[in-house]
Amino acid sequence: MKRIAVIGAILENPQLSQKDFNDIVSSFKGIVKGRMGIPFDEEDTSVISITVTGGLDVINALTGRLGKLPGVTVKTAISGKLTGEKEDL
């Protein structure tokens, strides 16, 4: 069942994890619909929001891989089933 999700990530010391973070997101480019990043240079932190559409397994795989990176905190909000989709019985 397809869902819409927003993945919020905080990267502390982004210079240590930014490349790996971007590589992981790029490997899921088929589900990524939008991305916004805000650097907080004074705090040595970056905040990134990624909007995706896909199945729960794929969304959870992306979130899990990002959350395993050192200095990265990830939270995800996921929609219910998309309008017009038939419910599995």
PDB file of N, CA and C in Angstrom:
ATOM      1  N   MET A   1       0.848  -1.180   0.000  1.00  0.00           N
ATOM      2  CA  MET A   1       0.000   0.000   0.000  1.00  0.00           C
ATOM      3  C   MET A   1       0.896   1.245   0.000  1.00  0.00           C
ATOM      4  N   LYS A   2       0.632   2.146  -0.906  1.00  0.00           N
ATOM      5  CA  LYS A   2       1.449   3.347  -1.051  1.00  0.00           C
ATOM      6  C   LYS A   2       1.081   4.388   0.004  1.00  0.00           C
ATOM      7  N   ARG A   3       2.094   5.054   0.535  1.00  0.00           N
ATOM      8  CA  ARG A   3       1.925   6.091   1.559  1.00  0.00           C
ATOM      9  C   ARG A   3       2.717   7.333   1.174  1.00  0.00           C
ATOM     10  N   ILE A   4       2.353   8.446   1.789  1.00  0.00           N
ATOM     11  CA  ILE A   4       3.140   9.667   1.721  1.00  0.00           C
ATOM     12  C   ILE A   4       3.805   9.818   3.081  1.00  0.00           C
ATOM     13  N   ALA A   5       5.065  10.205   3.085  1.00  0.00           N
ATOM     14  CA  ALA A   5       5.780  10.375   4.350  1.00  0.00           C
ATOM     15  C   ALA A   5       6.686  11.599   4.282  1.00  0.00           C
ATOM     16  N   VAL A   6       6.904  12.181   5.453  1.00  0.00           N
ATOM     17  CA  VAL A   6       7.869  13.257   5.613  1.00  0.00           C
ATOM     18  C   VAL A   6       8.929  12.754   6.586  1.00  0.00           C
ATOM     19  N   ILE A   7      10.161  12.761   6.127  1.00  0.00           N
ATOM     20  CA  ILE A   7      11.286  12.328   6.946  1.00  0.00           C
ATOM     21  C   ILE A   7      12.029  13.579   7.389  1.00  0.00           C
ATOM     22  N   GLY A   8      12.126  13.769   8.684  1.00  0.00           N
ATOM     23  CA  GLY A   8      12.876  14.894   9.241  1.00  0.00           C
ATOM     24  C   GLY A   8      14.183  14.385   9.814  1.00  0.00           C
ATOM     25  N   ALA A   9      15.277  15.039   9.461  1.00  0.00           N
ATOM     26  CA  ALA A   9      16.591  14.603   9.943  1.00  0.00           C
ATOM     27  C   ALA A   9      17.382  15.796  10.471  1.00  0.00           C
ATOM     28  N   ILE A  10      18.065  15.568  11.578  1.00  0.00           N
ATOM     29  CA  ILE A  10      18.999  16.551  12.129  1.00  0.00           C
ATOM     30  C   ILE A  10      20.385  15.933  12.071  1.00  0.00           C
ATOM     31  N   LEU A  11      21.288  16.643  11.408  1.00  0.00           N
ATOM     32  CA  LEU A  11      22.667  16.187  11.283  1.00  0.00           C
ATOM     33  C   LEU A  11      23.547  17.062  12.160  1.00  0.00           C
ATOM     34  N   GLU A  12      24.097  16.478  13.216  1.00  0.00           N
ATOM     35  CA  GLU A  12      25.054  17.179  14.062  1.00  0.00           C
ATOM     36  C   GLU A  12      26.445  16.912  13.482  1.00  0.00           C
ATOM     37  N   ASN A  13      27.254  17.939  13.386  1.00  0.00           N
ATOM     38  CA  ASN A  13      28.548  17.826  12.695  1.00  0.00           C
ATOM     39  C   ASN A  13      28.332  17.281  11.282  1.00  0.00           C
ATOM     40  N   PRO A  14      27.550  17.992  10.458  1.00  0.00           N
ATOM     41  CA  PRO A  14      27.176  17.461   9.144  1.00  0.00           C
ATOM     42  C   PRO A  14      28.349  17.109   8.243  1.00  0.00           C
ATOM     43  N   GLN A  15      29.507  17.717   8.443  1.00  0.00           N
ATOM     44  CA  GLN A  15      30.659  17.388   7.610  1.00  0.00           C
ATOM     45  C   GLN A  15      31.052  15.921   7.755  1.00  0.00           C
ATOM     46  N   LEU A  16      30.659  15.277   8.868  1.00  0.00           N
ATOM     47  CA  LEU A  16      30.994  13.866   9.086  1.00  0.00           C
ATOM     48  C   LEU A  16      30.023  12.904   8.409  1.00  0.00           C
ATOM     49  N   SER A  17      28.778  13.337   8.178  1.00  0.00           N
ATOM     50  CA  SER A  17      27.772  12.406   7.669  1.00  0.00           C
ATOM     51  C   SER A  17      27.062  12.864   6.396  1.00  0.00           C
ATOM     52  N   GLN A  18      27.294  14.092   5.961  1.00  0.00           N
ATOM     53  CA  GLN A  18      26.539  14.646   4.832  1.00  0.00           C
ATOM     54  C   GLN A  18      26.699  13.826   3.549  1.00  0.00           C
ATOM     55  N   LYS A  19      27.907  13.402   3.214  1.00  0.00           N
ATOM     56  CA  LYS A  19      28.124  12.646   1.987  1.00  0.00           C
ATOM     57  C   LYS A  19      27.377  11.315   2.030  1.00  0.00           C
ATOM     58  N   ASP A  20      27.513  10.578   3.130  1.00  0.00           N
ATOM     59  CA  ASP A  20      26.813   9.298   3.259  1.00  0.00           C
ATOM     60  C   ASP A  20      25.299   9.508   3.244  1.00  0.00           C
ATOM     61  N   PHE A  21      24.833  10.557   3.925  1.00  0.00           N
ATOM     62  CA  PHE A  21      23.403  10.885   3.944  1.00  0.00           C
ATOM     63  C   PHE A  21      22.907  11.103   2.516  1.00  0.00           C
ATOM     64  N   ASN A  22      23.607  11.937   1.758  1.00  0.00           N
ATOM     65  CA  ASN A  22      23.203  12.226   0.379  1.00  0.00           C
ATOM     66  C   ASN A  22      23.257  10.984  -0.507  1.00  0.00           C
ATOM     67  N   ASP A  23      24.260  10.141  -0.311  1.00  0.00           N
ATOM     68  CA  ASP A  23      24.364   8.904  -1.088  1.00  0.00           C
ATOM     69  C   ASP A  23      23.179   7.983  -0.830  1.00  0.00           C
ATOM     70  N   ILE A  24      22.768   7.875   0.435  1.00  0.00           N
ATOM     71  CA  ILE A  24      21.624   7.025   0.771  1.00  0.00           C
ATOM     72  C   ILE A  24      20.345   7.589   0.156  1.00  0.00           C
ATOM     73  N   VAL A  25      20.108   8.890   0.315  1.00  0.00           N
ATOM     74  CA  VAL A  25      18.911   9.506  -0.261  1.00  0.00           C
ATOM     75  C   VAL A  25      18.901   9.316  -1.778  1.00  0.00           C
ATOM     76  N   SER A  26      20.044   9.480  -2.424  1.00  0.00           N
ATOM     77  CA  SER A  26      20.129   9.300  -3.876  1.00  0.00           C
ATOM     78  C   SER A  26      19.783   7.876  -4.297  1.00  0.00           C
ATOM     79  N   SER A  27      20.132   6.908  -3.469  1.00  0.00           N
ATOM     80  CA  SER A  27      19.833   5.514  -3.813  1.00  0.00           C
ATOM     81  C   SER A  27      18.335   5.207  -3.724  1.00  0.00           C
ATOM     82  N   PHE A  28      17.553   6.108  -3.102  1.00  0.00           N
ATOM     83  CA  PHE A  28      16.100   5.970  -3.003  1.00  0.00           C
ATOM     84  C   PHE A  28      15.398   7.018  -3.866  1.00  0.00           C
ATOM     85  N   LYS A  29      16.084   7.544  -4.898  1.00  0.00           N
ATOM     86  CA  LYS A  29      15.554   8.665  -5.683  1.00  0.00           C
ATOM     87  C   LYS A  29      14.204   8.369  -6.323  1.00  0.00           C
ATOM     88  N   GLY A  30      13.860   7.123  -6.518  1.00  0.00           N
ATOM     89  CA  GLY A  30      12.580   6.767  -7.115  1.00  0.00           C
ATOM     90  C   GLY A  30      11.379   7.117  -6.251  1.00  0.00           C
ATOM     91  N   ILE A  31      11.570   7.266  -4.952  1.00  0.00           N
ATOM     92  CA  ILE A  31      10.444   7.599  -4.072  1.00  0.00           C
ATOM     93  C   ILE A  31      10.502   9.037  -3.552  1.00  0.00           C
ATOM     94  N   VAL A  32      11.635   9.717  -3.755  1.00  0.00           N
ATOM     95  CA  VAL A  32      11.798  11.079  -3.235  1.00  0.00           C
ATOM     96  C   VAL A  32      11.057  12.068  -4.128  1.00  0.00           C
ATOM     97  N   LYS A  33      10.162  12.852  -3.523  1.00  0.00           N
ATOM     98  CA  LYS A  33       9.390  13.857  -4.258  1.00  0.00           C
ATOM     99  C   LYS A  33       9.892  15.270  -3.993  1.00  0.00           C
ATOM    100  N   GLY A  34      10.542  15.503  -2.868  1.00  0.00           N
ATOM    101  CA  GLY A  34      11.064  16.829  -2.556  1.00  0.00           C
ATOM    102  C   GLY A  34      11.983  16.767  -1.362  1.00  0.00           C
ATOM    103  N   ARG A  35      12.853  17.780  -1.293  1.00  0.00           N
ATOM    104  CA  ARG A  35      13.833  17.826  -0.209  1.00  0.00           C
ATOM    105  C   ARG A  35      14.167  19.277   0.090  1.00  0.00           C
ATOM    106  N   MET A  36      14.302  19.589   1.373  1.00  0.00           N
ATOM    107  CA  MET A  36      14.691  20.932   1.792  1.00  0.00           C
ATOM    108  C   MET A  36      15.715  20.793   2.906  1.00  0.00           C
ATOM    109  N   GLY A  37      16.805  21.525   2.781  1.00  0.00           N
ATOM    110  CA  GLY A  37      17.841  21.505   3.807  1.00  0.00           C
ATOM    111  C   GLY A  37      18.125  22.908   4.300  1.00  0.00           C
ATOM    112  N   ILE A  38      18.313  23.026   5.604  1.00  0.00           N
ATOM    113  CA  ILE A  38      18.628  24.312   6.215  1.00  0.00           C
ATOM    114  C   ILE A  38      19.889  24.148   7.060  1.00  0.00           C
ATOM    115  N   PRO A  39      20.972  24.831   6.686  1.00  0.00           N
ATOM    116  CA  PRO A  39      22.185  24.761   7.501  1.00  0.00           C
ATOM    117  C   PRO A  39      22.113  25.740   8.673  1.00  0.00           C
ATOM    118  N   PHE A  40      22.577  25.299   9.816  1.00  0.00           N
ATOM    119  CA  PHE A  40      22.738  26.146  10.994  1.00  0.00           C
ATOM    120  C   PHE A  40      24.230  26.164  11.300  1.00  0.00           C
ATOM    121  N   ASP A  41      24.959  26.991  10.559  1.00  0.00           N
ATOM    122  CA  ASP A  41      26.417  26.997  10.639  1.00  0.00           C
ATOM    123  C   ASP A  41      26.937  27.297  12.041  1.00  0.00           C
ATOM    124  N   GLU A  42      26.296  28.227  12.745  1.00  0.00           N
ATOM    125  CA  GLU A  42      26.751  28.585  14.087  1.00  0.00           C
ATOM    126  C   GLU A  42      26.657  27.417  15.057  1.00  0.00           C
ATOM    127  N   GLU A  43      25.678  26.549  14.840  1.00  0.00           N
ATOM    128  CA  GLU A  43      25.475  25.392  15.718  1.00  0.00           C
ATOM    129  C   GLU A  43      26.126  24.128  15.177  1.00  0.00           C
ATOM    130  N   ASP A  44      26.761  24.206  13.987  1.00  0.00           N
ATOM    131  CA  ASP A  44      27.361  23.049  13.324  1.00  0.00           C
ATOM    132  C   ASP A  44      26.334  21.925  13.177  1.00  0.00           C
ATOM    133  N   THR A  45      25.163  22.310  12.663  1.00  0.00           N
ATOM    134  CA  THR A  45      24.031  21.396  12.519  1.00  0.00           C
ATOM    135  C   THR A  45      23.304  21.702  11.216  1.00  0.00           C
ATOM    136  N   SER A  46      22.713  20.673  10.620  1.00  0.00           N
ATOM    137  CA  SER A  46      21.845  20.855   9.459  1.00  0.00           C
ATOM    138  C   SER A  46      20.518  20.161   9.725  1.00  0.00           C
ATOM    139  N   VAL A  47      19.438  20.762   9.223  1.00  0.00           N
ATOM    140  CA  VAL A  47      18.107  20.172   9.335  1.00  0.00           C
ATOM    141  C   VAL A  47      17.627  19.895   7.919  1.00  0.00           C
ATOM    142  N   ILE A  48      17.179  18.660   7.675  1.00  0.00           N
ATOM    143  CA  ILE A  48      16.744  18.255   6.344  1.00  0.00           C
ATOM    144  C   ILE A  48      15.360  17.624   6.435  1.00  0.00           C
ATOM    145  N   SER A  49      14.496  18.020   5.499  1.00  0.00           N
ATOM    146  CA  SER A  49      13.158  17.454   5.383  1.00  0.00           C
ATOM    147  C   SER A  49      13.038  16.820   4.003  1.00  0.00           C
ATOM    148  N   ILE A  50      12.591  15.559   3.962  1.00  0.00           N
ATOM    149  CA  ILE A  50      12.451  14.832   2.699  1.00  0.00           C
ATOM    150  C   ILE A  50      11.022  14.301   2.606  1.00  0.00           C
ATOM    151  N   THR A  51      10.340  14.599   1.494  1.00  0.00           N
ATOM    152  CA  THR A  51       8.998  14.082   1.254  1.00  0.00           C
ATOM    153  C   THR A  51       9.105  12.923   0.270  1.00  0.00           C
ATOM    154  N   VAL A  52       8.487  11.792   0.638  1.00  0.00           N
ATOM    155  CA  VAL A  52       8.560  10.581  -0.187  1.00  0.00           C
ATOM    156  C   VAL A  52       7.179   9.968  -0.368  1.00  0.00           C
ATOM    157  N   THR A  53       7.029   9.156  -1.409  1.00  0.00           N
ATOM    158  CA  THR A  53       5.843   8.318  -1.576  1.00  0.00           C
ATOM    159  C   THR A  53       6.315   6.910  -1.895  1.00  0.00           C
ATOM    160  N   GLY A  54       5.716   5.932  -1.237  1.00  0.00           N
ATOM    161  CA  GLY A  54       6.106   4.548  -1.483  1.00  0.00           C
ATOM    162  C   GLY A  54       5.488   3.622  -0.456  1.00  0.00           C
ATOM    163  N   GLY A  55       5.837   2.377  -0.540  1.00  0.00           N
ATOM    164  CA  GLY A  55       5.366   1.389   0.417  1.00  0.00           C
ATOM    165  C   GLY A  55       6.071   1.550   1.756  1.00  0.00           C
ATOM    166  N   LEU A  56       5.429   1.032   2.801  1.00  0.00           N
ATOM    167  CA  LEU A  56       5.999   1.148   4.146  1.00  0.00           C
ATOM    168  C   LEU A  56       7.383   0.518   4.243  1.00  0.00           C
ATOM    169  N   ASP A  57       7.596  -0.610   3.581  1.00  0.00           N
ATOM    170  CA  ASP A  57       8.893  -1.277   3.662  1.00  0.00           C
ATOM    171  C   ASP A  57      10.011  -0.399   3.110  1.00  0.00           C
ATOM    172  N   VAL A  58       9.743   0.270   1.991  1.00  0.00           N
ATOM    173  CA  VAL A  58      10.772   1.111   1.368  1.00  0.00           C
ATOM    174  C   VAL A  58      11.014   2.366   2.211  1.00  0.00           C
ATOM    175  N   ILE A  59       9.932   2.980   2.696  1.00  0.00           N
ATOM    176  CA  ILE A  59      10.070   4.171   3.543  1.00  0.00           C
ATOM    177  C   ILE A  59      10.849   3.826   4.808  1.00  0.00           C
ATOM    178  N   ASN A  60      10.513   2.706   5.425  1.00  0.00           N
ATOM    179  CA  ASN A  60      11.212   2.284   6.640  1.00  0.00           C
ATOM    180  C   ASN A  60      12.668   1.928   6.369  1.00  0.00           C
ATOM    181  N   ALA A  61      12.950   1.367   5.196  1.00  0.00           N
ATOM    182  CA  ALA A  61      14.336   1.043   4.842  1.00  0.00           C
ATOM    183  C   ALA A  61      15.157   2.324   4.724  1.00  0.00           C
ATOM    184  N   LEU A  62      14.610   3.338   4.065  1.00  0.00           N
ATOM    185  CA  LEU A  62      15.308   4.617   3.933  1.00  0.00           C
ATOM    186  C   LEU A  62      15.532   5.245   5.301  1.00  0.00           C
ATOM    187  N   THR A  63      14.491   5.319   6.099  1.00  0.00           N
ATOM    188  CA  THR A  63      14.590   5.909   7.436  1.00  0.00           C
ATOM    189  C   THR A  63      15.609   5.159   8.295  1.00  0.00           C
ATOM    190  N   GLY A  64      15.575   3.851   8.242  1.00  0.00           N
ATOM    191  CA  GLY A  64      16.503   3.042   9.035  1.00  0.00           C
ATOM    192  C   GLY A  64      17.954   3.260   8.645  1.00  0.00           C
ATOM    193  N   ARG A  65      18.211   3.309   7.354  1.00  0.00           N
ATOM    194  CA  ARG A  65      19.597   3.522   6.896  1.00  0.00           C
ATOM    195  C   ARG A  65      20.096   4.900   7.303  1.00  0.00           C
ATOM    196  N   LEU A  66      19.250   5.921   7.175  1.00  0.00           N
ATOM    197  CA  LEU A  66      19.658   7.270   7.569  1.00  0.00           C
ATOM    198  C   LEU A  66      19.913   7.346   9.067  1.00  0.00           C
ATOM    199  N   GLY A  67      19.047   6.707   9.854  1.00  0.00           N
ATOM    200  CA  GLY A  67      19.166   6.756  11.305  1.00  0.00           C
ATOM    201  C   GLY A  67      20.379   6.040  11.860  1.00  0.00           C
ATOM    202  N   LYS A  68      21.004   5.172  11.067  1.00  0.00           N
ATOM    203  CA  LYS A  68      22.202   4.458  11.516  1.00  0.00           C
ATOM    204  C   LYS A  68      23.477   5.284  11.351  1.00  0.00           C
ATOM    205  N   LEU A  69      23.378   6.393  10.634  1.00  0.00           N
ATOM    206  CA  LEU A  69      24.562   7.230  10.430  1.00  0.00           C
ATOM    207  C   LEU A  69      24.939   7.936  11.735  1.00  0.00           C
ATOM    208  N   PRO A  70      26.231   8.061  12.018  1.00  0.00           N
ATOM    209  CA  PRO A  70      26.646   8.739  13.250  1.00  0.00           C
ATOM    210  C   PRO A  70      26.265  10.220  13.226  1.00  0.00           C
ATOM    211  N   GLY A  71      25.707  10.692  14.334  1.00  0.00           N
ATOM    212  CA  GLY A  71      25.338  12.099  14.453  1.00  0.00           C
ATOM    213  C   GLY A  71      24.053  12.480  13.747  1.00  0.00           C
ATOM    214  N   VAL A  72      23.277  11.485  13.279  1.00  0.00           N
ATOM    215  CA  VAL A  72      22.034  11.760  12.558  1.00  0.00           C
ATOM    216  C   VAL A  72      20.853  11.256  13.381  1.00  0.00           C
ATOM    217  N   THR A  73      19.876  12.143  13.604  1.00  0.00           N
ATOM    218  CA  THR A  73      18.625  11.789  14.271  1.00  0.00           C
ATOM    219  C   THR A  73      17.509  11.905  13.247  1.00  0.00           C
ATOM    220  N   VAL A  74      16.654  10.877  13.148  1.00  0.00           N
ATOM    221  CA  VAL A  74      15.619  10.836  12.126  1.00  0.00           C
ATOM    222  C   VAL A  74      14.267  10.525  12.762  1.00  0.00           C
ATOM    223  N   LYS A  75      13.246  11.241  12.311  1.00  0.00           N
ATOM    224  CA  LYS A  75      11.854  10.962  12.693  1.00  0.00           C
ATOM    225  C   LYS A  75      11.021  11.000  11.422  1.00  0.00           C
ATOM    226  N   THR A  76       9.985  10.171  11.360  1.00  0.00           N
ATOM    227  CA  THR A  76       9.165  10.072  10.156  1.00  0.00           C
ATOM    228  C   THR A  76       7.690  10.140  10.507  1.00  0.00           C
ATOM    229  N   ALA A  77       6.943  10.913   9.727  1.00  0.00           N
ATOM    230  CA  ALA A  77       5.484  10.950   9.817  1.00  0.00           C
ATOM    231  C   ALA A  77       4.952  10.310   8.537  1.00  0.00           C
ATOM    232  N   ILE A  78       4.055   9.325   8.683  1.00  0.00           N
ATOM    233  CA  ILE A  78       3.556   8.559   7.541  1.00  0.00           C
ATOM    234  C   ILE A  78       2.040   8.658   7.474  1.00  0.00           C
ATOM    235  N   SER A  79       1.510   8.882   6.250  1.00  0.00           N
ATOM    236  CA  SER A  79       0.070   8.993   6.039  1.00  0.00           C
ATOM    237  C   SER A  79      -0.596   7.627   6.163  1.00  0.00           C
ATOM    238  N   GLY A  80      -1.931   7.670   6.212  1.00  0.00           N
ATOM    239  CA  GLY A  80      -2.718   6.460   6.063  1.00  0.00           C
ATOM    240  C   GLY A  80      -2.691   6.070   4.601  1.00  0.00           C
ATOM    241  N   LYS A  81      -3.539   5.117   4.205  1.00  0.00           N
ATOM    242  CA  LYS A  81      -3.545   4.731   2.787  1.00  0.00           C
ATOM    243  C   LYS A  81      -3.959   5.914   1.927  1.00  0.00           C
ATOM    244  N   LEU A  82      -3.405   5.973   0.736  1.00  0.00           N
ATOM    245  CA  LEU A  82      -3.707   7.070  -0.168  1.00  0.00           C
ATOM    246  C   LEU A  82      -5.128   6.961  -0.712  1.00  0.00           C
ATOM    247  N   THR A  83      -5.781   8.086  -0.919  1.00  0.00           N
ATOM    248  CA  THR A  83      -7.134   8.129  -1.454  1.00  0.00           C
ATOM    249  C   THR A  83      -7.175   7.423  -2.794  1.00  0.00           C
ATOM    250  N   GLY A  84      -8.235   6.666  -2.992  1.00  0.00           N
ATOM    251  CA  GLY A  84      -8.396   5.963  -4.253  1.00  0.00           C
ATOM    252  C   GLY A  84      -7.762   4.604  -4.283  1.00  0.00           C
ATOM    253  N   GLU A  85      -7.015   4.230  -3.255  1.00  0.00           N
ATOM    254  CA  GLU A  85      -6.408   2.910  -3.194  1.00  0.00           C
ATOM    255  C   GLU A  85      -7.376   1.928  -2.560  1.00  0.00           C
ATOM    256  N   LYS A  86      -7.390   0.733  -3.071  1.00  0.00           N
ATOM    257  CA  LYS A  86      -8.218  -0.307  -2.479  1.00  0.00           C
ATOM    258  C   LYS A  86      -7.506  -0.874  -1.271  1.00  0.00           C
ATOM    259  N   GLU A  87      -8.263  -1.151  -0.245  1.00  0.00           N
ATOM    260  CA  GLU A  87      -7.681  -1.708   0.982  1.00  0.00           C
ATOM    261  C   GLU A  87      -7.486  -3.204   0.805  1.00  0.00           C
ATOM    262  N   ASP A  88      -6.315  -3.699   1.238  1.00  0.00           N
ATOM    263  CA  ASP A  88      -6.046  -5.141   1.198  1.00  0.00           C
ATOM    264  C   ASP A  88      -6.878  -5.835   2.255  1.00  0.00           C
ATOM    265  N   LEU A  89      -7.460  -6.960   1.896  1.00  0.00           N
ATOM    266  CA  LEU A  89      -8.250  -7.751   2.860  1.00  0.00           C
ATOM    267  C   LEU A  89      -7.528  -8.990   3.256  1.00  0.00           C
TER     268      LEU A  89
END
